All heavy atoms as atom14 arrays in JSON, in Angstrom:
{
  "sequence": "YLGGAEKILLMNESGELQDLLTKIERVQLPQECPSCGGFGFLP",
  "atom14_mask": [
    [1, 1, 1, 1, 1, 1, 1, 1, 1, 1, 1, 1, 0, 0],
    [1, 1, 1, 1, 1, 1, 1, 1, 0, 0, 0, 0, 0, 0],
    [1, 1, 1, 1, 0, 0, 0, 0, 0, 0, 0, 0, 0, 0],
    [1, 1, 1, 1, 0, 0, 0, 0, 0, 0, 0, 0, 0, 0],
    [1, 1, 1, 1, 1, 0, 0, 0, 0, 0, 0, 0, 0, 0],
    [1, 1, 1, 1, 1, 1, 1, 1, 1, 0, 0, 0, 0, 0],
    [1, 1, 1, 1, 1, 1, 1, 1, 1, 0, 0, 0, 0, 0],
    [1, 1, 1, 1, 1, 1, 1, 1, 0, 0, 0, 0, 0, 0],
    [1, 1, 1, 1, 1, 1, 1, 1, 0, 0, 0, 0, 0, 0],
    [1, 1, 1, 1, 1, 1, 1, 1, 0, 0, 0, 0, 0, 0],
    [1, 1, 1, 1, 1, 1, 1, 1, 0, 0, 0, 0, 0, 0],
    [1, 1, 1, 1, 1, 1, 1, 1, 0, 0, 0, 0, 0, 0],
    [1, 1, 1, 1, 1, 1, 1, 1, 1, 0, 0, 0, 0, 0],
    [1, 1, 1, 1, 1, 1, 0, 0, 0, 0, 0, 0, 0, 0],
    [1, 1, 1, 1, 0, 0, 0, 0, 0, 0, 0, 0, 0, 0],
    [1, 1, 1, 1, 1, 1, 1, 1, 1, 0, 0, 0, 0, 0],
    [1, 1, 1, 1, 1, 1, 1, 1, 0, 0, 0, 0, 0, 0],
    [1, 1, 1, 1, 1, 1, 1, 1, 1, 0, 0, 0, 0, 0],
    [1, 1, 1, 1, 1, 1, 1, 1, 0, 0, 0, 0, 0, 0],
    [1, 1, 1, 1, 1, 1, 1, 1, 0, 0, 0, 0, 0, 0],
    [1, 1, 1, 1, 1, 1, 1, 1, 0, 0, 0, 0, 0, 0],
    [1, 1, 1, 1, 1, 1, 1, 0, 0, 0, 0, 0, 0, 0],
    [1, 1, 1, 1, 1, 1, 1, 1, 1, 0, 0, 0, 0, 0],
    [1, 1, 1, 1, 1, 1, 1, 1, 0, 0, 0, 0, 0, 0],
    [1, 1, 1, 1, 1, 1, 1, 1, 1, 0, 0, 0, 0, 0],
    [1, 1, 1, 1, 1, 1, 1, 1, 1, 1, 1, 0, 0, 0],
    [1, 1, 1, 1, 1, 1, 1, 0, 0, 0, 0, 0, 0, 0],
    [1, 1, 1, 1, 1, 1, 1, 1, 1, 0, 0, 0, 0, 0],
    [1, 1, 1, 1, 1, 1, 1, 1, 0, 0, 0, 0, 0, 0],
    [1, 1, 1, 1, 1, 1, 1, 0, 0, 0, 0, 0, 0, 0],
    [1, 1, 1, 1, 1, 1, 1, 1, 1, 0, 0, 0, 0, 0],
    [1, 1, 1, 1, 1, 1, 1, 1, 1, 0, 0, 0, 0, 0],
    [1, 1, 1, 1, 1, 1, 0, 0, 0, 0, 0, 0, 0, 0],
    [1, 1, 1, 1, 1, 1, 1, 0, 0, 0, 0, 0, 0, 0],
    [1, 1, 1, 1, 1, 1, 0, 0, 0, 0, 0, 0, 0, 0],
    [1, 1, 1, 1, 1, 1, 0, 0, 0, 0, 0, 0, 0, 0],
    [1, 1, 1, 1, 0, 0, 0, 0, 0, 0, 0, 0, 0, 0],
    [1, 1, 1, 1, 0, 0, 0, 0, 0, 0, 0, 0, 0, 0],
    [1, 1, 1, 1, 1, 1, 1, 1, 1, 1, 1, 0, 0, 0],
    [1, 1, 1, 1, 0, 0, 0, 0, 0, 0, 0, 0, 0, 0],
    [1, 1, 1, 1, 1, 1, 1, 1, 1, 1, 1, 0, 0, 0],
    [1, 1, 1, 1, 1, 1, 1, 1, 0, 0, 0, 0, 0, 0],
    [1, 1, 1, 1, 1, 1, 1, 0, 0, 0, 0, 0, 0, 0]
  ],
  "atom14_positions": [
    [[-5.66, -0.24, -13.85], [-6.66, -0.6, -12.85], [-6.39, -2.0, -12.34], [-6.23, -2.93, -13.13], [-8.06, -0.51, -13.47], [-9.16, -0.99, -12.57], [-9.62, -0.19, -11.54], [-9.73, -2.24, -12.75], [-10.64, -0.61, -10.71], [-10.74, -2.68, -11.92], [-11.2, -1.87, -10.9], [-12.2, -2.3, -10.07], [0.0, 0.0, 0.0], [0.0, 0.0, 0.0]],
    [[-6.3, -2.15, -11.01], [-6.07, -3.47, -10.43], [-7.35, -4.02, -9.83], [-7.68, -5.19, -10.02], [-4.98, -3.41, -9.37], [-4.54, -4.74, -8.79], [-3.95, -5.62, -9.87], [-3.54, -4.54, -7.68], [0.0, 0.0, 0.0], [0.0, 0.0, 0.0], [0.0, 0.0, 0.0], [0.0, 0.0, 0.0], [0.0, 0.0, 0.0], [0.0, 0.0, 0.0]],
    [[-8.09, -3.2, -9.08], [-9.34, -3.67, -8.49], [-9.62, -3.0, -7.18], [-8.97, -2.02, -6.79], [0.0, 0.0, 0.0], [0.0, 0.0, 0.0], [0.0, 0.0, 0.0], [0.0, 0.0, 0.0], [0.0, 0.0, 0.0], [0.0, 0.0, 0.0], [0.0, 0.0, 0.0], [0.0, 0.0, 0.0], [0.0, 0.0, 0.0], [0.0, 0.0, 0.0]],
    [[-10.6, -3.57, -6.48], [-11.02, -3.04, -5.19], [-10.54, -3.93, -4.06], [-9.61, -4.74, -4.21], [0.0, 0.0, 0.0], [0.0, 0.0, 0.0], [0.0, 0.0, 0.0], [0.0, 0.0, 0.0], [0.0, 0.0, 0.0], [0.0, 0.0, 0.0], [0.0, 0.0, 0.0], [0.0, 0.0, 0.0], [0.0, 0.0, 0.0], [0.0, 0.0, 0.0]],
    [[-11.18, -3.79, -2.92], [-10.75, -4.49, -1.7], [-10.8, -6.01, -1.85], [-9.88, -6.71, -1.42], [-11.6, -4.05, -0.52], [0.0, 0.0, 0.0], [0.0, 0.0, 0.0], [0.0, 0.0, 0.0], [0.0, 0.0, 0.0], [0.0, 0.0, 0.0], [0.0, 0.0, 0.0], [0.0, 0.0, 0.0], [0.0, 0.0, 0.0], [0.0, 0.0, 0.0]],
    [[-11.86, -6.52, -2.46], [-12.01, -7.97, -2.58], [-10.89, -8.56, -3.42], [-10.29, -9.57, -3.07], [-13.37, -8.33, -3.18], [-14.56, -8.0, -2.3], [-14.93, -6.52, -2.3], [-14.51, -5.78, -3.23], [-15.63, -6.09, -1.37], [0.0, 0.0, 0.0], [0.0, 0.0, 0.0], [0.0, 0.0, 0.0], [0.0, 0.0, 0.0], [0.0, 0.0, 0.0]],
    [[-10.58, -7.91, -4.54], [-9.53, -8.41, -5.42], [-8.16, -8.33, -4.75], [-7.36, -9.25, -4.84], [-9.53, -7.57, -6.72], [-8.38, -7.88, -7.64], [-8.83, -8.61, -8.85], [-7.65, -9.05, -9.68], [-7.65, -8.56, -11.01], [0.0, 0.0, 0.0], [0.0, 0.0, 0.0], [0.0, 0.0, 0.0], [0.0, 0.0, 0.0], [0.0, 0.0, 0.0]],
    [[-7.89, -7.23, -4.05], [-6.6, -7.08, -3.36], [-6.46, -8.14, -2.28], [-5.4, -8.75, -2.11], [-6.46, -5.66, -2.76], [-6.53, -4.6, -3.85], [-5.2, -5.53, -1.93], [-5.44, -4.69, -4.89], [0.0, 0.0, 0.0], [0.0, 0.0, 0.0], [0.0, 0.0, 0.0], [0.0, 0.0, 0.0], [0.0, 0.0, 0.0], [0.0, 0.0, 0.0]],
    [[-7.54, -8.39, -1.54], [-7.51, -9.41, -0.48], [-7.24, -10.79, -1.06], [-6.4, -11.54, -0.54], [-8.83, -9.39, 0.3], [-8.91, -10.28, 1.53], [-7.82, -9.91, 2.53], [-10.28, -10.16, 2.18], [0.0, 0.0, 0.0], [0.0, 0.0, 0.0], [0.0, 0.0, 0.0], [0.0, 0.0, 0.0], [0.0, 0.0, 0.0], [0.0, 0.0, 0.0]],
    [[-7.91, -11.14, -2.16], [-7.69, -12.44, -2.8], [-6.26, -12.57, -3.33], [-5.62, -13.61, -3.16], [-8.68, -12.65, -3.95], [-10.12, -12.93, -3.54], [-11.03, -12.93, -4.76], [-10.22, -14.26, -2.81], [0.0, 0.0, 0.0], [0.0, 0.0, 0.0], [0.0, 0.0, 0.0], [0.0, 0.0, 0.0], [0.0, 0.0, 0.0], [0.0, 0.0, 0.0]],
    [[-5.77, -11.51, -3.96], [-4.4, -11.54, -4.48], [-3.38, -11.63, -3.35], [-2.35, -12.3, -3.49], [-4.13, -10.29, -5.32], [-4.86, -10.26, -6.64], [-4.55, -8.73, -7.53], [-2.88, -9.02, -8.09], [0.0, 0.0, 0.0], [0.0, 0.0, 0.0], [0.0, 0.0, 0.0], [0.0, 0.0, 0.0], [0.0, 0.0, 0.0], [0.0, 0.0, 0.0]],
    [[-3.66, -10.99, -2.24], [-2.75, -11.04, -1.09], [-2.71, -12.44, -0.5], [-1.64, -12.95, -0.16], [-3.2, -10.02, -0.04], [-2.19, -9.87, 1.07], [-0.99, -9.75, 0.83], [-2.67, -9.87, 2.31], [0.0, 0.0, 0.0], [0.0, 0.0, 0.0], [0.0, 0.0, 0.0], [0.0, 0.0, 0.0], [0.0, 0.0, 0.0], [0.0, 0.0, 0.0]],
    [[-3.87, -13.08, -0.38], [-3.93, -14.43, 0.19], [-3.29, -15.47, -0.71], [-2.72, -16.44, -0.23], [-5.38, -14.8, 0.49], [-5.95, -14.02, 1.66], [-7.43, -14.27, 1.89], [-8.06, -14.98, 1.07], [-7.96, -13.74, 2.88], [0.0, 0.0, 0.0], [0.0, 0.0, 0.0], [0.0, 0.0, 0.0], [0.0, 0.0, 0.0], [0.0, 0.0, 0.0]],
    [[-3.37, -15.27, -2.04], [-2.8, -16.24, -2.98], [-1.31, -16.02, -3.24], [-0.66, -16.87, -3.85], [-3.55, -16.19, -4.31], [-3.27, -14.98, -4.99], [0.0, 0.0, 0.0], [0.0, 0.0, 0.0], [0.0, 0.0, 0.0], [0.0, 0.0, 0.0], [0.0, 0.0, 0.0], [0.0, 0.0, 0.0], [0.0, 0.0, 0.0], [0.0, 0.0, 0.0]],
    [[-0.77, -14.87, -2.81], [0.64, -14.56, -3.05], [0.87, -13.82, -4.36], [1.99, -13.43, -4.68], [0.0, 0.0, 0.0], [0.0, 0.0, 0.0], [0.0, 0.0, 0.0], [0.0, 0.0, 0.0], [0.0, 0.0, 0.0], [0.0, 0.0, 0.0], [0.0, 0.0, 0.0], [0.0, 0.0, 0.0], [0.0, 0.0, 0.0], [0.0, 0.0, 0.0]],
    [[-0.19, -13.65, -5.14], [-0.1, -12.94, -6.42], [0.31, -11.48, -6.23], [1.06, -10.93, -7.03], [-1.49, -12.98, -7.08], [-1.5, -13.18, -8.54], [-2.93, -13.24, -9.06], [-3.82, -13.82, -8.42], [-3.14, -12.67, -10.15], [0.0, 0.0, 0.0], [0.0, 0.0, 0.0], [0.0, 0.0, 0.0], [0.0, 0.0, 0.0], [0.0, 0.0, 0.0]],
    [[-0.17, -10.86, -5.16], [0.13, -9.46, -4.89], [1.62, -9.27, -4.6], [2.23, -8.33, -5.09], [-0.72, -8.93, -3.73], [-0.62, -7.44, -3.44], [-1.1, -6.63, -4.63], [-1.44, -7.09, -2.21], [0.0, 0.0, 0.0], [0.0, 0.0, 0.0], [0.0, 0.0, 0.0], [0.0, 0.0, 0.0], [0.0, 0.0, 0.0], [0.0, 0.0, 0.0]],
    [[2.2, -10.17, -3.84], [3.63, -10.1, -3.52], [4.47, -10.11, -4.79], [5.41, -9.34, -4.92], [4.02, -11.28, -2.61], [5.49, -11.3, -2.24], [5.88, -10.13, -1.36], [5.1, -9.65, -0.56], [7.11, -9.67, -1.53], [0.0, 0.0, 0.0], [0.0, 0.0, 0.0], [0.0, 0.0, 0.0], [0.0, 0.0, 0.0], [0.0, 0.0, 0.0]],
    [[4.1, -10.96, -5.74], [4.82, -11.03, -7.01], [4.69, -9.73, -7.8], [5.64, -9.28, -8.43], [4.31, -12.2, -7.87], [4.56, -13.54, -7.21], [5.48, -13.63, -6.36], [3.83, -14.5, -7.54], [0.0, 0.0, 0.0], [0.0, 0.0, 0.0], [0.0, 0.0, 0.0], [0.0, 0.0, 0.0], [0.0, 0.0, 0.0], [0.0, 0.0, 0.0]],
    [[3.51, -9.13, -7.75], [3.25, -7.89, -8.48], [3.99, -6.71, -7.88], [4.36, -5.77, -8.59], [1.74, -7.62, -8.47], [1.19, -6.54, -9.38], [1.48, -6.88, -10.84], [-0.29, -6.39, -9.17], [0.0, 0.0, 0.0], [0.0, 0.0, 0.0], [0.0, 0.0, 0.0], [0.0, 0.0, 0.0], [0.0, 0.0, 0.0], [0.0, 0.0, 0.0]],
    [[4.27, -6.76, -6.58], [4.89, -5.64, -5.88], [6.41, -5.66, -5.89], [7.04, -4.78, -5.3], [4.4, -5.59, -4.42], [2.9, -5.38, -4.23], [2.54, -5.42, -2.75], [2.43, -4.09, -4.86], [0.0, 0.0, 0.0], [0.0, 0.0, 0.0], [0.0, 0.0, 0.0], [0.0, 0.0, 0.0], [0.0, 0.0, 0.0], [0.0, 0.0, 0.0]],
    [[7.02, -6.62, -6.58], [8.48, -6.71, -6.58], [9.14, -5.5, -7.21], [10.26, -5.15, -6.84], [8.95, -7.99, -7.31], [8.41, -7.99, -8.63], [8.53, -9.23, -6.56], [0.0, 0.0, 0.0], [0.0, 0.0, 0.0], [0.0, 0.0, 0.0], [0.0, 0.0, 0.0], [0.0, 0.0, 0.0], [0.0, 0.0, 0.0], [0.0, 0.0, 0.0]],
    [[8.5, -4.84, -8.16], [9.11, -3.69, -8.84], [8.76, -2.35, -8.21], [9.19, -1.31, -8.67], [8.69, -3.69, -10.31], [7.2, -3.57, -10.5], [6.82, -3.69, -11.96], [5.32, -3.69, -12.05], [4.76, -4.7, -12.86], [0.0, 0.0, 0.0], [0.0, 0.0, 0.0], [0.0, 0.0, 0.0], [0.0, 0.0, 0.0], [0.0, 0.0, 0.0]],
    [[7.99, -2.37, -7.12], [7.56, -1.13, -6.46], [8.58, -0.75, -5.39], [9.12, -1.6, -4.69], [6.15, -1.3, -5.81], [5.13, -1.77, -6.84], [5.7, -0.03, -5.14], [4.86, -0.81, -7.98], [0.0, 0.0, 0.0], [0.0, 0.0, 0.0], [0.0, 0.0, 0.0], [0.0, 0.0, 0.0], [0.0, 0.0, 0.0], [0.0, 0.0, 0.0]],
    [[8.81, 0.56, -5.26], [9.76, 1.07, -4.27], [9.33, 0.69, -2.86], [8.17, 0.79, -2.5], [9.84, 2.6, -4.4], [10.84, 3.24, -3.46], [10.85, 4.76, -3.59], [10.34, 5.3, -4.58], [11.36, 5.39, -2.66], [0.0, 0.0, 0.0], [0.0, 0.0, 0.0], [0.0, 0.0, 0.0], [0.0, 0.0, 0.0], [0.0, 0.0, 0.0]],
    [[10.29, 0.27, -2.07], [10.03, -0.14, -0.68], [10.26, 1.01, 0.28], [11.03, 1.93, 0.0], [10.96, -1.29, -0.28], [10.84, -2.51, -1.14], [9.59, -3.24, -0.86], [9.4, -4.34, -1.81], [8.45, -5.21, -1.71], [7.6, -5.13, -0.73], [8.32, -6.16, -2.59], [0.0, 0.0, 0.0], [0.0, 0.0, 0.0], [0.0, 0.0, 0.0]],
    [[9.62, 0.94, 1.43], [9.87, 1.89, 2.5], [10.44, 1.11, 3.67], [10.08, -0.04, 3.88], [8.59, 2.67, 2.93], [8.15, 3.6, 1.84], [7.47, 1.73, 3.31], [0.0, 0.0, 0.0], [0.0, 0.0, 0.0], [0.0, 0.0, 0.0], [0.0, 0.0, 0.0], [0.0, 0.0, 0.0], [0.0, 0.0, 0.0], [0.0, 0.0, 0.0]],
    [[11.35, 1.73, 4.42], [11.99, 1.04, 5.52], [11.02, 0.76, 6.66], [10.83, -0.35, 7.06], [13.18, 1.86, 6.03], [14.3, 1.96, 5.03], [14.82, 0.6, 4.64], [14.99, -0.28, 5.46], [15.08, 0.4, 3.36], [0.0, 0.0, 0.0], [0.0, 0.0, 0.0], [0.0, 0.0, 0.0], [0.0, 0.0, 0.0], [0.0, 0.0, 0.0]],
    [[10.45, 1.8, 7.17], [9.49, 1.67, 8.26], [8.24, 2.45, 7.9], [8.33, 3.53, 7.33], [10.06, 2.24, 9.56], [11.24, 1.52, 10.15], [11.8, 2.31, 11.32], [10.82, 0.13, 10.62], [0.0, 0.0, 0.0], [0.0, 0.0, 0.0], [0.0, 0.0, 0.0], [0.0, 0.0, 0.0], [0.0, 0.0, 0.0], [0.0, 0.0, 0.0]],
    [[7.06, 1.91, 8.22], [5.87, 2.71, 7.98], [5.96, 3.97, 8.83], [6.04, 3.89, 10.05], [4.72, 1.81, 8.43], [5.31, 0.47, 8.68], [6.78, 0.62, 8.79], [0.0, 0.0, 0.0], [0.0, 0.0, 0.0], [0.0, 0.0, 0.0], [0.0, 0.0, 0.0], [0.0, 0.0, 0.0], [0.0, 0.0, 0.0], [0.0, 0.0, 0.0]],
    [[6.04, 5.1, 8.2], [6.18, 6.34, 8.95], [5.03, 7.28, 8.67], [4.47, 7.27, 7.6], [7.5, 7.01, 8.63], [7.72, 7.27, 7.16], [9.14, 7.71, 6.9], [10.04, 7.41, 7.65], [9.33, 8.42, 5.81], [0.0, 0.0, 0.0], [0.0, 0.0, 0.0], [0.0, 0.0, 0.0], [0.0, 0.0, 0.0], [0.0, 0.0, 0.0]],
    [[4.72, 8.05, 9.66], [3.63, 9.0, 9.57], [4.23, 10.39, 9.53], [5.16, 10.7, 10.26], [2.74, 8.83, 10.79], [1.3, 9.14, 10.54], [0.45, 8.75, 11.73], [0.52, 9.44, 12.75], [-0.27, 7.76, 11.62], [0.0, 0.0, 0.0], [0.0, 0.0, 0.0], [0.0, 0.0, 0.0], [0.0, 0.0, 0.0], [0.0, 0.0, 0.0]],
    [[3.69, 11.23, 8.69], [4.17, 12.61, 8.58], [3.93, 13.33, 9.91], [2.82, 13.28, 10.44], [3.44, 13.32, 7.45], [3.83, 15.07, 7.32], [0.0, 0.0, 0.0], [0.0, 0.0, 0.0], [0.0, 0.0, 0.0], [0.0, 0.0, 0.0], [0.0, 0.0, 0.0], [0.0, 0.0, 0.0], [0.0, 0.0, 0.0], [0.0, 0.0, 0.0]],
    [[4.94, 14.01, 10.45], [4.75, 14.7, 11.73], [3.84, 15.93, 11.61], [3.26, 16.35, 12.59], [6.17, 15.13, 12.12], [6.94, 15.13, 10.85], [6.31, 14.11, 9.96], [0.0, 0.0, 0.0], [0.0, 0.0, 0.0], [0.0, 0.0, 0.0], [0.0, 0.0, 0.0], [0.0, 0.0, 0.0], [0.0, 0.0, 0.0], [0.0, 0.0, 0.0]],
    [[3.69, 16.47, 10.4], [2.85, 17.66, 10.23], [1.37, 17.33, 10.12], [0.54, 17.92, 10.8], [3.27, 18.43, 8.98], [4.59, 18.87, 9.09], [0.0, 0.0, 0.0], [0.0, 0.0, 0.0], [0.0, 0.0, 0.0], [0.0, 0.0, 0.0], [0.0, 0.0, 0.0], [0.0, 0.0, 0.0], [0.0, 0.0, 0.0], [0.0, 0.0, 0.0]],
    [[1.03, 16.38, 9.24], [-0.39, 16.1, 8.96], [-0.88, 14.78, 9.52], [-2.06, 14.45, 9.39], [-0.63, 16.14, 7.45], [0.17, 14.79, 6.55], [0.0, 0.0, 0.0], [0.0, 0.0, 0.0], [0.0, 0.0, 0.0], [0.0, 0.0, 0.0], [0.0, 0.0, 0.0], [0.0, 0.0, 0.0], [0.0, 0.0, 0.0], [0.0, 0.0, 0.0]],
    [[0.0, 13.98, 10.1], [-0.41, 12.69, 10.66], [-0.72, 11.64, 9.61], [-1.4, 10.67, 9.88], [0.0, 0.0, 0.0], [0.0, 0.0, 0.0], [0.0, 0.0, 0.0], [0.0, 0.0, 0.0], [0.0, 0.0, 0.0], [0.0, 0.0, 0.0], [0.0, 0.0, 0.0], [0.0, 0.0, 0.0], [0.0, 0.0, 0.0], [0.0, 0.0, 0.0]],
    [[-0.25, 11.86, 8.37], [-0.48, 10.88, 7.31], [-1.68, 11.16, 6.44], [-1.94, 10.43, 5.51], [0.0, 0.0, 0.0], [0.0, 0.0, 0.0], [0.0, 0.0, 0.0], [0.0, 0.0, 0.0], [0.0, 0.0, 0.0], [0.0, 0.0, 0.0], [0.0, 0.0, 0.0], [0.0, 0.0, 0.0], [0.0, 0.0, 0.0], [0.0, 0.0, 0.0]],
    [[-2.41, 12.23, 6.7], [-3.59, 12.54, 5.89], [-3.23, 13.25, 4.59], [-4.0, 13.23, 3.64], [-4.59, 13.4, 6.67], [-5.36, 12.61, 7.68], [-5.02, 12.65, 9.01], [-6.42, 11.82, 7.28], [-5.72, 11.91, 9.94], [-7.12, 11.08, 8.21], [-6.78, 11.13, 9.54], [0.0, 0.0, 0.0], [0.0, 0.0, 0.0], [0.0, 0.0, 0.0]],
    [[-2.09, 13.93, 4.54], [-1.68, 14.62, 3.32], [-2.26, 16.01, 3.17], [-1.98, 16.71, 2.22], [0.0, 0.0, 0.0], [0.0, 0.0, 0.0], [0.0, 0.0, 0.0], [0.0, 0.0, 0.0], [0.0, 0.0, 0.0], [0.0, 0.0, 0.0], [0.0, 0.0, 0.0], [0.0, 0.0, 0.0], [0.0, 0.0, 0.0], [0.0, 0.0, 0.0]],
    [[-3.11, 16.42, 4.1], [-3.74, 17.74, 4.07], [-3.68, 18.38, 5.44], [-3.69, 17.69, 6.46], [-5.21, 17.65, 3.63], [-5.39, 17.36, 2.17], [-5.45, 16.06, 1.71], [-5.49, 18.38, 1.25], [-5.61, 15.78, 0.37], [-5.65, 18.12, -0.09], [-5.71, 16.82, -0.53], [0.0, 0.0, 0.0], [0.0, 0.0, 0.0], [0.0, 0.0, 0.0]],
    [[-3.64, 19.72, 5.45], [-3.66, 20.5, 6.69], [-4.66, 21.64, 6.53], [-4.96, 22.05, 5.41], [-2.27, 21.11, 6.94], [-1.17, 20.16, 7.35], [0.18, 20.86, 7.28], [-1.41, 19.66, 8.75], [0.0, 0.0, 0.0], [0.0, 0.0, 0.0], [0.0, 0.0, 0.0], [0.0, 0.0, 0.0], [0.0, 0.0, 0.0], [0.0, 0.0, 0.0]],
    [[-5.17, 22.19, 7.65], [-6.02, 23.37, 7.53], [-5.25, 24.49, 6.83], [-4.04, 24.63, 6.99], [-6.33, 23.74, 8.97], [-6.18, 22.47, 9.73], [-5.07, 21.73, 9.03], [0.0, 0.0, 0.0], [0.0, 0.0, 0.0], [0.0, 0.0, 0.0], [0.0, 0.0, 0.0], [0.0, 0.0, 0.0], [0.0, 0.0, 0.0], [0.0, 0.0, 0.0]]
  ]
}
């Protein structure tokens, strides 16, 4: 558990979040799924 919006915002502003994310897989470009538009679900 890391926290909610307030904690993420504070960590992002202090640079703490950047340090924590060094081991997480990166994505080249933010891409949206052509089938579901990024929602992950379809009718």
